[in-house]
N, C-alpha and C. Protein backbone atom coordinates (compact mmCIF):
# COMPACT_ATOMS: atom_id res chain seq x y z
N UNK A 1 0.83 -1.19 0.00
CA UNK A 1 0.00 0.00 0.00
C UNK A 1 0.87 1.25 0.00
N UNK A 2 0.53 2.20 -0.81
CA UNK A 2 1.26 3.46 -0.90
C UNK A 2 0.86 4.36 0.26
N UNK A 3 1.87 4.97 0.88
CA UNK A 3 1.59 5.87 2.00
C UNK A 3 1.99 7.29 1.63
N UNK A 4 1.24 8.23 2.15
CA UNK A 4 1.49 9.65 1.88
C UNK A 4 2.54 10.19 2.83
N UNK A 5 3.49 10.90 2.27
CA UNK A 5 4.51 11.59 3.06
C UNK A 5 4.11 13.05 3.25
N UNK A 6 3.50 13.64 2.17
CA UNK A 6 3.11 15.06 2.26
C UNK A 6 1.85 15.31 1.42
N UNK A 7 0.90 15.99 2.06
CA UNK A 7 -0.30 16.45 1.37
C UNK A 7 -0.73 17.74 2.06
N UNK A 8 -1.12 18.73 1.28
CA UNK A 8 -1.48 20.03 1.84
C UNK A 8 -3.00 20.15 1.88
N UNK A 9 -3.57 20.00 3.06
CA UNK A 9 -5.03 20.01 3.21
C UNK A 9 -5.64 21.35 2.80
N UNK A 10 -4.86 22.43 2.85
CA UNK A 10 -5.37 23.75 2.46
C UNK A 10 -5.66 23.84 0.97
N UNK A 11 -5.18 22.88 0.19
CA UNK A 11 -5.41 22.88 -1.26
C UNK A 11 -6.66 22.09 -1.64
N UNK A 12 -7.42 21.68 -0.62
CA UNK A 12 -8.64 20.91 -0.81
C UNK A 12 -9.76 21.52 0.01
N UNK A 13 -10.99 21.29 -0.42
CA UNK A 13 -12.15 21.78 0.31
C UNK A 13 -13.09 20.60 0.56
N UNK A 14 -13.55 20.47 1.81
CA UNK A 14 -14.48 19.39 2.14
C UNK A 14 -15.90 19.81 1.80
N UNK A 15 -16.62 18.95 1.10
CA UNK A 15 -17.99 19.21 0.69
C UNK A 15 -18.97 18.61 1.70
N UNK A 16 -20.23 19.04 1.64
CA UNK A 16 -21.24 18.59 2.59
C UNK A 16 -21.53 17.09 2.51
N UNK A 17 -21.24 16.47 1.37
CA UNK A 17 -21.46 15.02 1.23
C UNK A 17 -20.28 14.20 1.74
N UNK A 18 -19.26 14.87 2.30
CA UNK A 18 -18.09 14.18 2.85
C UNK A 18 -16.94 14.03 1.87
N UNK A 19 -17.16 14.39 0.62
CA UNK A 19 -16.09 14.30 -0.37
C UNK A 19 -15.17 15.51 -0.26
N UNK A 20 -14.01 15.41 -0.88
CA UNK A 20 -13.04 16.50 -0.91
C UNK A 20 -12.80 16.87 -2.36
N UNK A 21 -12.70 18.16 -2.65
CA UNK A 21 -12.41 18.64 -4.00
C UNK A 21 -11.13 19.48 -3.96
N UNK A 22 -10.28 19.27 -4.94
CA UNK A 22 -9.04 20.04 -5.04
C UNK A 22 -9.39 21.43 -5.54
N UNK A 23 -8.87 22.46 -4.87
CA UNK A 23 -9.21 23.83 -5.26
C UNK A 23 -8.03 24.55 -5.94
N UNK A 24 -6.84 23.97 -5.91
CA UNK A 24 -5.70 24.48 -6.67
C UNK A 24 -4.70 23.36 -6.88
N UNK A 25 -3.80 23.51 -7.85
CA UNK A 25 -2.84 22.44 -8.11
C UNK A 25 -2.20 21.97 -6.81
N UNK A 26 -2.14 20.67 -6.65
CA UNK A 26 -1.62 20.10 -5.42
C UNK A 26 -0.73 18.90 -5.75
N UNK A 27 0.42 18.83 -5.11
CA UNK A 27 1.31 17.68 -5.27
C UNK A 27 1.28 16.85 -4.00
N UNK A 28 0.90 15.59 -4.15
CA UNK A 28 0.94 14.65 -3.04
C UNK A 28 2.24 13.87 -3.19
N UNK A 29 3.02 13.80 -2.13
CA UNK A 29 4.29 13.09 -2.16
C UNK A 29 4.14 11.83 -1.32
N UNK A 30 4.55 10.69 -1.91
CA UNK A 30 4.46 9.42 -1.20
C UNK A 30 5.76 9.17 -0.42
N UNK A 31 5.71 8.20 0.46
CA UNK A 31 6.91 7.86 1.25
C UNK A 31 8.05 7.38 0.36
N UNK A 32 7.72 6.88 -0.85
CA UNK A 32 8.76 6.46 -1.79
C UNK A 32 9.18 7.61 -2.71
N UNK A 33 8.77 8.84 -2.35
CA UNK A 33 9.12 10.08 -3.04
C UNK A 33 8.49 10.22 -4.43
N UNK A 34 7.44 9.48 -4.70
CA UNK A 34 6.69 9.67 -5.93
C UNK A 34 5.79 10.89 -5.75
N UNK A 35 5.58 11.65 -6.82
CA UNK A 35 4.73 12.83 -6.77
C UNK A 35 3.49 12.56 -7.61
N UNK A 36 2.33 12.79 -7.00
CA UNK A 36 1.06 12.65 -7.69
C UNK A 36 0.47 14.05 -7.81
N UNK A 37 0.33 14.53 -9.04
CA UNK A 37 -0.21 15.88 -9.27
C UNK A 37 -1.73 15.80 -9.32
N UNK A 38 -2.37 16.60 -8.48
CA UNK A 38 -3.82 16.69 -8.42
C UNK A 38 -4.21 18.07 -8.97
N UNK A 39 -5.16 18.07 -9.89
CA UNK A 39 -5.56 19.34 -10.50
C UNK A 39 -6.89 19.83 -9.93
N UNK A 40 -7.12 21.13 -9.98
CA UNK A 40 -8.37 21.68 -9.46
C UNK A 40 -9.59 21.00 -10.09
N UNK A 41 -10.57 20.75 -9.21
CA UNK A 41 -11.81 20.12 -9.66
C UNK A 41 -11.85 18.62 -9.43
N UNK A 42 -10.70 17.99 -9.23
CA UNK A 42 -10.70 16.55 -8.95
C UNK A 42 -11.36 16.33 -7.59
N UNK A 43 -12.28 15.38 -7.53
CA UNK A 43 -13.04 15.11 -6.32
C UNK A 43 -12.72 13.72 -5.81
N UNK A 44 -12.63 13.59 -4.49
CA UNK A 44 -12.28 12.32 -3.86
C UNK A 44 -13.30 11.94 -2.81
N UNK A 45 -13.78 10.71 -2.88
CA UNK A 45 -14.73 10.17 -1.91
C UNK A 45 -14.05 9.07 -1.12
N UNK A 46 -14.40 8.97 0.16
CA UNK A 46 -13.83 7.96 1.03
C UNK A 46 -14.09 6.57 0.45
N UNK A 47 -13.05 5.74 0.45
CA UNK A 47 -13.15 4.38 -0.06
C UNK A 47 -12.71 4.24 -1.50
N UNK A 48 -12.56 5.36 -2.21
CA UNK A 48 -12.10 5.33 -3.60
C UNK A 48 -10.62 5.67 -3.62
N UNK A 49 -9.82 4.82 -4.26
CA UNK A 49 -8.37 5.00 -4.23
C UNK A 49 -7.83 5.51 -5.56
N UNK A 50 -6.81 6.33 -5.46
CA UNK A 50 -6.05 6.82 -6.60
C UNK A 50 -4.62 6.37 -6.39
N UNK A 51 -4.11 5.56 -7.29
CA UNK A 51 -2.77 4.99 -7.15
C UNK A 51 -2.58 4.31 -5.80
N UNK A 52 -3.63 3.63 -5.34
CA UNK A 52 -3.57 2.89 -4.08
C UNK A 52 -3.75 3.73 -2.83
N UNK A 53 -4.10 5.01 -3.00
CA UNK A 53 -4.24 5.91 -1.85
C UNK A 53 -5.69 6.38 -1.75
N UNK A 54 -6.26 6.26 -0.55
CA UNK A 54 -7.58 6.83 -0.29
C UNK A 54 -7.36 8.28 0.14
N UNK A 55 -7.40 9.17 -0.82
CA UNK A 55 -7.09 10.59 -0.58
C UNK A 55 -8.07 11.21 0.42
N UNK A 56 -9.36 10.91 0.27
CA UNK A 56 -10.36 11.48 1.18
C UNK A 56 -10.11 11.04 2.61
N UNK A 57 -9.78 9.79 2.81
CA UNK A 57 -9.49 9.29 4.16
C UNK A 57 -8.27 10.00 4.74
N UNK A 58 -7.23 10.17 3.92
CA UNK A 58 -6.01 10.85 4.38
C UNK A 58 -6.32 12.30 4.76
N UNK A 59 -7.11 12.99 3.94
CA UNK A 59 -7.47 14.38 4.24
C UNK A 59 -8.32 14.47 5.51
N UNK A 60 -9.23 13.50 5.70
CA UNK A 60 -10.04 13.49 6.93
C UNK A 60 -9.15 13.35 8.16
N UNK A 61 -8.17 12.45 8.08
CA UNK A 61 -7.27 12.24 9.23
C UNK A 61 -6.44 13.48 9.53
N UNK A 62 -5.89 14.08 8.49
CA UNK A 62 -5.04 15.25 8.68
C UNK A 62 -5.84 16.43 9.23
N UNK A 63 -7.07 16.60 8.73
CA UNK A 63 -7.87 17.75 9.13
C UNK A 63 -8.62 17.52 10.43
N UNK A 64 -8.62 16.28 10.92
CA UNK A 64 -9.36 15.96 12.14
C UNK A 64 -10.83 15.72 11.90
N UNK A 65 -11.23 15.49 10.65
CA UNK A 65 -12.63 15.24 10.29
C UNK A 65 -12.89 13.75 10.06
N UNK A 66 -12.43 12.88 10.95
CA UNK A 66 -12.60 11.43 10.73
C UNK A 66 -14.05 11.08 10.84
């Protein structure tokens, strides 16, 4: 499983349905130093993975919105 080393929660906005939407270009860095570029408008829902990462779950944990 791929783990996140760096993600900037300020580059995402949480929606009322629990999903997260990217509001400006964002680079997610994995522990293996891979960079995943997220573009504005991309939406993430809990349980849906991108390159093996549940982005919504990670953002919930970082922001304290579990």
